[in-house]
N, C-alpha and C. Protein backbone atom coordinates (compact mmCIF):
# COMPACT_ATOMS: atom_id res chain seq x y z
N MET A 1 79.88 87.35 87.71
CA MET A 1 80.70 88.34 88.27
C MET A 1 82.15 87.66 88.56
N GLN A 2 83.02 88.57 88.19
CA GLN A 2 84.52 88.01 88.20
C GLN A 2 85.31 89.25 88.79
N PRO A 3 85.72 89.40 90.01
CA PRO A 3 86.71 90.41 90.39
C PRO A 3 87.86 90.28 89.84
N ILE A 4 88.63 91.28 89.57
CA ILE A 4 89.89 91.46 88.77
C ILE A 4 90.96 91.61 89.80
N GLY A 5 92.23 90.94 89.73
CA GLY A 5 93.37 91.12 90.28
C GLY A 5 93.30 90.69 91.80
N LYS A 6 93.57 91.42 92.80
CA LYS A 6 93.53 91.02 94.15
C LYS A 6 92.37 91.45 94.92
N TYR A 7 91.34 91.92 94.11
CA TYR A 7 90.11 92.29 94.91
C TYR A 7 89.18 90.99 95.14
N ILE A 8 88.37 91.07 96.34
CA ILE A 8 87.59 90.01 96.79
C ILE A 8 86.20 90.46 96.97
N VAL A 9 85.24 89.79 96.53
CA VAL A 9 83.85 90.26 96.77
C VAL A 9 83.37 89.50 98.09
N ILE A 10 82.76 90.11 99.18
CA ILE A 10 82.34 89.44 100.38
C ILE A 10 80.99 89.90 100.71
N THR A 11 80.41 89.15 101.64
CA THR A 11 79.26 89.54 102.41
C THR A 11 79.46 89.61 103.91
N ASP A 12 79.05 90.59 104.60
CA ASP A 12 79.38 90.62 106.03
C ASP A 12 78.53 89.59 106.68
N ILE A 13 79.16 89.27 107.98
CA ILE A 13 78.26 88.34 108.69
C ILE A 13 77.96 89.36 110.10
N ASP A 14 76.75 89.45 110.37
CA ASP A 14 76.45 90.01 111.79
C ASP A 14 76.60 89.05 112.69
N GLU A 15 77.20 89.22 113.75
CA GLU A 15 77.59 88.28 114.85
C GLU A 15 77.33 88.77 116.22
N GLU A 16 76.96 88.00 117.20
CA GLU A 16 76.99 88.56 118.57
C GLU A 16 78.38 88.16 119.01
N VAL A 17 78.98 89.10 119.97
CA VAL A 17 80.11 89.04 120.50
C VAL A 17 79.80 88.84 122.15
N LYS A 18 80.52 87.88 122.78
CA LYS A 18 80.31 87.80 124.27
C LYS A 18 81.53 88.22 124.82
N THR A 19 81.54 89.28 125.84
CA THR A 19 82.62 89.95 126.62
C THR A 19 83.13 88.94 127.59
N SER A 20 84.09 89.24 128.13
CA SER A 20 84.63 88.17 129.23
C SER A 20 83.82 88.23 130.50
N SER A 21 82.95 89.23 130.64
CA SER A 21 81.99 89.25 131.68
C SER A 21 80.75 88.67 131.44
N GLY A 22 80.50 88.01 130.20
CA GLY A 22 79.36 87.57 129.87
C GLY A 22 78.34 88.34 129.19
N LEU A 23 78.74 89.61 128.96
CA LEU A 23 77.78 90.48 128.25
C LEU A 23 77.64 90.31 126.72
N LEU A 24 76.48 90.10 126.16
CA LEU A 24 76.43 89.95 124.63
C LEU A 24 76.33 91.29 123.97
N LEU A 25 77.35 91.51 122.82
CA LEU A 25 77.19 92.55 122.12
C LEU A 25 76.58 92.29 120.89
N SER A 26 75.57 93.15 120.33
CA SER A 26 75.00 92.84 119.07
C SER A 26 75.90 93.29 117.94
N GLY A 27 75.42 93.16 116.80
CA GLY A 27 76.24 93.53 115.66
C GLY A 27 76.39 95.07 115.55
N LYS A 28 75.30 95.85 116.09
CA LYS A 28 75.54 97.45 116.16
C LYS A 28 76.36 97.70 117.11
N ASP A 29 76.58 97.06 118.21
CA ASP A 29 77.55 97.27 119.40
C ASP A 29 78.85 97.16 118.82
N THR A 30 79.23 96.34 117.82
CA THR A 30 80.53 95.89 117.57
C THR A 30 80.95 96.76 116.36
N ASP A 31 80.23 97.87 116.17
CA ASP A 31 80.62 98.64 115.01
C ASP A 31 81.84 99.72 115.15
N GLY A 32 82.30 99.65 116.51
CA GLY A 32 83.48 100.32 116.87
C GLY A 32 84.77 99.37 116.67
N PHE A 33 84.65 98.08 116.47
CA PHE A 33 85.62 97.37 116.39
C PHE A 33 86.35 97.45 114.90
N ARG A 34 87.72 97.15 114.79
CA ARG A 34 88.29 97.53 113.66
C ARG A 34 88.13 96.39 112.68
N TYR A 35 87.81 95.12 113.10
CA TYR A 35 87.71 93.89 112.23
C TYR A 35 86.42 93.49 112.22
N LYS A 36 86.04 92.88 110.92
CA LYS A 36 84.68 92.42 110.76
C LYS A 36 84.67 90.90 110.22
N LYS A 37 83.65 90.03 110.48
CA LYS A 37 83.70 88.78 109.81
C LYS A 37 83.00 88.74 108.63
N ALA A 38 83.36 88.04 107.65
CA ALA A 38 82.55 87.98 106.48
C ALA A 38 82.82 86.69 105.73
N VAL A 39 82.02 86.45 104.69
CA VAL A 39 82.08 85.26 103.89
C VAL A 39 82.48 85.75 102.51
N VAL A 40 83.49 84.89 101.80
CA VAL A 40 84.00 85.39 100.57
C VAL A 40 83.00 84.82 99.39
N VAL A 41 82.38 85.65 98.66
CA VAL A 41 81.43 85.23 97.59
C VAL A 41 82.35 84.88 96.43
N LYS A 42 83.31 85.83 96.03
CA LYS A 42 84.19 85.42 94.82
C LYS A 42 85.47 86.15 94.98
N PRO A 43 86.47 85.30 94.94
CA PRO A 43 87.88 85.92 94.95
C PRO A 43 88.39 86.42 93.57
N GLY A 44 89.27 87.47 93.60
CA GLY A 44 89.62 87.87 92.39
C GLY A 44 90.56 86.84 91.46
N SER A 45 90.96 87.18 90.29
CA SER A 45 91.72 86.38 89.38
C SER A 45 93.21 86.15 89.88
N ASP A 46 93.71 87.14 90.76
CA ASP A 46 95.14 86.97 91.23
C ASP A 46 95.28 86.43 92.71
N VAL A 47 94.07 86.06 93.20
CA VAL A 47 94.04 85.77 94.66
C VAL A 47 94.23 84.18 94.70
N ASP A 48 95.24 83.95 95.69
CA ASP A 48 95.70 82.45 95.62
C ASP A 48 95.34 81.77 96.83
N VAL A 49 95.41 82.28 98.02
CA VAL A 49 95.04 81.52 99.37
C VAL A 49 93.70 81.47 99.57
N ILE A 50 92.77 82.54 99.39
CA ILE A 50 91.55 82.79 99.91
C ILE A 50 90.56 82.04 98.56
N LYS A 51 89.66 81.36 99.01
CA LYS A 51 88.67 80.51 98.20
C LYS A 51 87.34 81.13 98.50
N GLU A 52 86.33 80.88 97.45
CA GLU A 52 85.17 80.99 97.56
C GLU A 52 84.44 80.21 98.72
N GLY A 53 83.58 80.84 99.56
CA GLY A 53 83.12 80.28 100.60
C GLY A 53 83.72 80.48 102.12
N ASP A 54 84.89 80.82 102.06
CA ASP A 54 85.89 80.83 103.30
C ASP A 54 85.26 81.99 104.00
N GLU A 55 85.33 81.82 105.36
CA GLU A 55 85.02 82.88 106.45
C GLU A 55 86.39 83.56 106.67
N ILE A 56 86.17 84.87 106.68
CA ILE A 56 87.46 85.69 106.95
C ILE A 56 87.27 86.74 108.10
N HIS A 57 88.30 87.36 108.62
CA HIS A 57 88.15 88.52 109.43
C HIS A 57 89.03 89.54 108.38
N TYR A 58 88.42 90.73 108.32
CA TYR A 58 89.09 91.74 107.49
C TYR A 58 89.08 93.09 108.08
N ASP A 59 89.99 93.95 107.72
CA ASP A 59 89.91 95.35 108.28
C ASP A 59 88.96 96.11 107.46
N LYS A 60 87.78 96.41 108.12
CA LYS A 60 86.66 97.04 107.60
C LYS A 60 86.73 98.57 107.17
N SER A 61 87.76 99.16 107.73
CA SER A 61 88.10 100.53 107.24
C SER A 61 88.59 100.53 105.79
N ARG A 62 88.99 99.50 105.32
CA ARG A 62 89.63 99.33 103.97
C ARG A 62 88.64 98.82 102.95
N SER A 63 87.50 98.67 103.31
CA SER A 63 86.35 98.16 102.44
C SER A 63 85.46 99.25 101.85
N PHE A 64 84.77 98.96 100.74
CA PHE A 64 83.89 99.78 100.12
C PHE A 64 82.65 98.96 99.82
N LYS A 65 81.35 99.49 99.66
CA LYS A 65 80.16 98.81 99.35
C LYS A 65 79.86 99.17 97.88
N MET A 66 79.14 98.18 97.25
CA MET A 66 79.00 98.00 95.83
C MET A 66 77.52 97.29 95.67
N MET A 67 76.63 97.80 94.91
CA MET A 67 75.38 97.13 94.52
C MET A 67 75.55 96.27 93.22
N ILE A 68 75.31 94.90 93.33
CA ILE A 68 75.43 94.23 91.94
C ILE A 68 74.20 93.25 91.95
N ASN A 69 73.45 93.45 90.94
CA ASN A 69 72.41 92.80 90.75
C ASN A 69 71.25 92.90 91.85
N ASP A 70 71.16 94.29 92.39
CA ASP A 70 70.32 94.70 93.53
C ASP A 70 70.67 93.86 94.88
N VAL A 71 71.90 93.43 95.08
CA VAL A 71 72.50 92.94 96.15
C VAL A 71 73.68 93.69 96.64
N GLN A 72 73.74 94.09 97.92
CA GLN A 72 74.90 94.83 98.39
C GLN A 72 76.00 93.94 98.82
N TYR A 73 77.10 94.14 98.27
CA TYR A 73 78.28 93.51 98.68
C TYR A 73 79.39 94.51 99.11
N SER A 74 80.51 93.81 99.90
CA SER A 74 81.53 94.64 100.19
C SER A 74 82.75 94.29 99.29
N ILE A 75 83.62 95.08 98.84
CA ILE A 75 84.84 95.01 98.10
C ILE A 75 86.13 95.14 98.86
N ILE A 76 87.00 94.06 98.96
CA ILE A 76 88.24 94.19 99.76
C ILE A 76 89.29 93.92 98.86
N GLN A 77 90.56 94.20 99.37
CA GLN A 77 91.82 93.68 98.62
C GLN A 77 92.27 92.49 99.52
N GLU A 78 92.92 91.54 98.79
CA GLU A 78 93.57 90.43 99.63
C GLU A 78 94.44 90.83 100.74
N ARG A 79 95.23 91.96 100.69
CA ARG A 79 96.02 92.38 101.71
C ARG A 79 95.24 92.80 103.05
N ASP A 80 93.93 93.12 102.74
CA ASP A 80 93.02 93.50 104.00
C ASP A 80 92.60 92.42 104.78
N VAL A 81 92.70 91.23 104.35
CA VAL A 81 92.23 89.77 105.15
C VAL A 81 93.26 89.69 106.15
N VAL A 82 92.87 89.60 107.50
CA VAL A 82 93.64 89.31 108.49
C VAL A 82 93.71 87.75 108.93
N VAL A 83 92.60 87.13 108.96
CA VAL A 83 92.52 85.88 109.23
C VAL A 83 91.47 85.01 108.29
N VAL A 84 91.81 83.79 108.07
CA VAL A 84 91.05 82.88 107.19
C VAL A 84 90.40 81.81 108.05
N LEU A 85 89.34 81.70 108.45
CA LEU A 85 88.81 80.63 109.33
C LEU A 85 88.76 79.20 108.78
């Protein structure tokens, strides 16, 4: 699998978020958040900064899902990455 151009193939990370009051929010509770954490599976041919295996935060409203070899991945563009961890 090789994404073309500025596209990036990722898998989402379900994480628990702790509020300032100590309340733990599950992955389902965080669905209202705009940004989501993921791991880069394969960067596109024109992506320079982001590498395979990087953990990122991205704008989840700009992603779409795709089944590749019976595995569900999210596809985003490089411009939708907000933070590389």
